[in-house]
C-alpha atoms as a PDB file:
ATOM      1  CA  MET A   1     -25.040  -2.434  37.451  1.00  0.00           C
ATOM      2  CA  PRO A   2     -21.854  -3.711  35.017  1.00  0.00           C
ATOM      3  CA  LYS A   3     -19.496  -2.219  36.847  1.00  0.00           C
ATOM      4  CA  ALA A   4     -20.688  -2.986  40.439  1.00  0.00           C
ATOM      5  CA  LEU A   5     -20.439  -6.743  38.844  1.00  0.00           C
ATOM      6  CA  CYS A   6     -16.932  -6.036  37.428  1.00  0.00           C
ATOM      7  CA  LEU A   7     -15.479  -4.787  41.056  1.00  0.00           C
ATOM      8  CA  VAL A   8     -17.368  -7.696  42.602  1.00  0.00           C
ATOM      9  CA  GLY A   9     -15.411  -9.889  39.915  1.00  0.00           C
ATOM     10  CA  MET A  10     -11.810  -7.909  40.924  1.00  0.00           C
ATOM     11  CA  VAL A  11     -13.065  -8.605  44.749  1.00  0.00           C
ATOM     12  CA  VAL A  12     -13.306 -12.112  44.609  1.00  0.00           C
ATOM     13  CA  ALA A  13     -10.113 -12.733  42.068  1.00  0.00           C
ATOM     14  CA  VAL A  14      -8.368 -11.041  44.892  1.00  0.00           C
ATOM     15  CA  LEU A  15      -9.951 -13.279  47.758  1.00  0.00           C
ATOM     16  CA  LEU A  16      -9.140 -16.408  45.495  1.00  0.00           C
ATOM     17  CA  LEU A  17      -5.547 -15.311  45.108  1.00  0.00           C
ATOM     18  CA  LEU A  18      -4.601 -14.486  48.440  1.00  0.00           C
ATOM     19  CA  VAL A  19      -6.753 -17.492  50.063  1.00  0.00           C
ATOM     20  CA  PHE A  20      -4.801 -20.240  46.985  1.00  0.00           C
ATOM     21  CA  GLY A  21      -1.562 -18.077  47.202  1.00  0.00           C
ATOM     22  CA  LEU A  22      -1.544 -18.215  51.410  1.00  0.00           C
ATOM     23  CA  ASP A  23      -2.398 -22.320  50.922  1.00  0.00           C
ATOM     24  CA  LEU A  24       0.424 -22.574  48.705  1.00  0.00           C
ATOM     25  CA  ALA A  25       3.106 -20.870  50.354  1.00  0.00           C
ATOM     26  CA  VAL A  26       2.323 -22.021  53.996  1.00  0.00           C
ATOM     27  CA  GLY A  27      -0.453 -24.764  53.844  1.00  0.00           C
ATOM     28  CA  PHE A  28      -3.044 -22.910  55.704  1.00  0.00           C
ATOM     29  CA  PRO A  29      -6.005 -22.779  55.167  1.00  0.00           C
ATOM     30  CA  PHE A  30      -6.641 -26.858  53.105  1.00  0.00           C
ATOM     31  CA  GLY A  31      -3.247 -28.372  54.060  1.00  0.00           C
ATOM     32  CA  ARG A  32      -1.857 -27.785  50.759  1.00  0.00           C
ATOM     33  CA  LEU A  33      -3.654 -31.077  49.538  1.00  0.00           C
ATOM     34  CA  SER A  34      -2.874 -30.447  45.578  1.00  0.00           C
ATOM     35  CA  LEU A  35       0.337 -28.527  44.495  1.00  0.00           C
ATOM     36  CA  VAL A  36      -1.598 -28.306  40.558  1.00  0.00           C
ATOM     37  CA  MET A  37      -4.675 -27.381  42.070  1.00  0.00           C
ATOM     38  CA  ASP A  38      -3.480 -24.140  43.832  1.00  0.00           C
ATOM     39  CA  ILE A  39      -1.268 -22.648  40.688  1.00  0.00           C
ATOM     40  CA  GLY A  40      -4.720 -23.781  39.175  1.00  0.00           C
ATOM     41  CA  PHE A  41      -6.854 -21.844  41.080  1.00  0.00           C
ATOM     42  CA  LEU A  42      -4.253 -18.833  41.227  1.00  0.00           C
ATOM     43  CA  LEU A  43      -4.270 -18.781  37.141  1.00  0.00           C
ATOM     44  CA  CYS A  44      -7.806 -18.591  37.218  1.00  0.00           C
ATOM     45  CA  SER A  45      -7.866 -15.495  39.943  1.00  0.00           C
ATOM     46  CA  ALA A  46      -5.381 -14.009  38.231  1.00  0.00           C
ATOM     47  CA  ALA A  47      -7.805 -13.949  34.554  1.00  0.00           C
ATOM     48  CA  LEU A  48     -10.920 -13.519  36.352  1.00  0.00           C
ATOM     49  CA  GLY A  49      -8.575 -10.380  37.583  1.00  0.00           C
ATOM     50  CA  TYR A  50      -7.556  -9.292  34.340  1.00  0.00           C
ATOM     51  CA  MET A  51     -10.827  -9.664  32.430  1.00  0.00           C
ATOM     52  CA  SER A  52     -12.528  -7.988  35.167  1.00  0.00           C
ATOM     53  CA  TRP A  53     -10.505  -4.906  34.905  1.00  0.00           C
ATOM     54  CA  THR A  54     -10.227  -4.507  31.571  1.00  0.00           C
ATOM     55  CA  THR A  55     -14.374  -4.873  31.108  1.00  0.00           C
ATOM     56  CA  LEU A  56     -14.651  -2.033  33.916  1.00  0.00           C
ATOM     57  CA  GLN A  57     -12.182   0.174  31.853  1.00  0.00           C
ATOM     58  CA  GLU A  58     -13.880  -0.772  28.676  1.00  0.00           C
ATOM     59  CA  GLN A  59     -16.962   0.819  29.873  1.00  0.00           C
ATOM     60  CA  LYS A  60     -15.958   4.149  31.097  1.00  0.00           C
END
């Protein structure tokens, strides 16, 4: 089960990175309401991806 949760965390991180990166770059899907919020979500998704990756590596 913990490996599955790590993989789900990485998938969620990639999806958030794509959505908010796309919003930051072209203003789709949210119309770039807040630049600071887009950057904050990008940083949080990168942190989630890193933590999921390192946790998965520790379990091997």
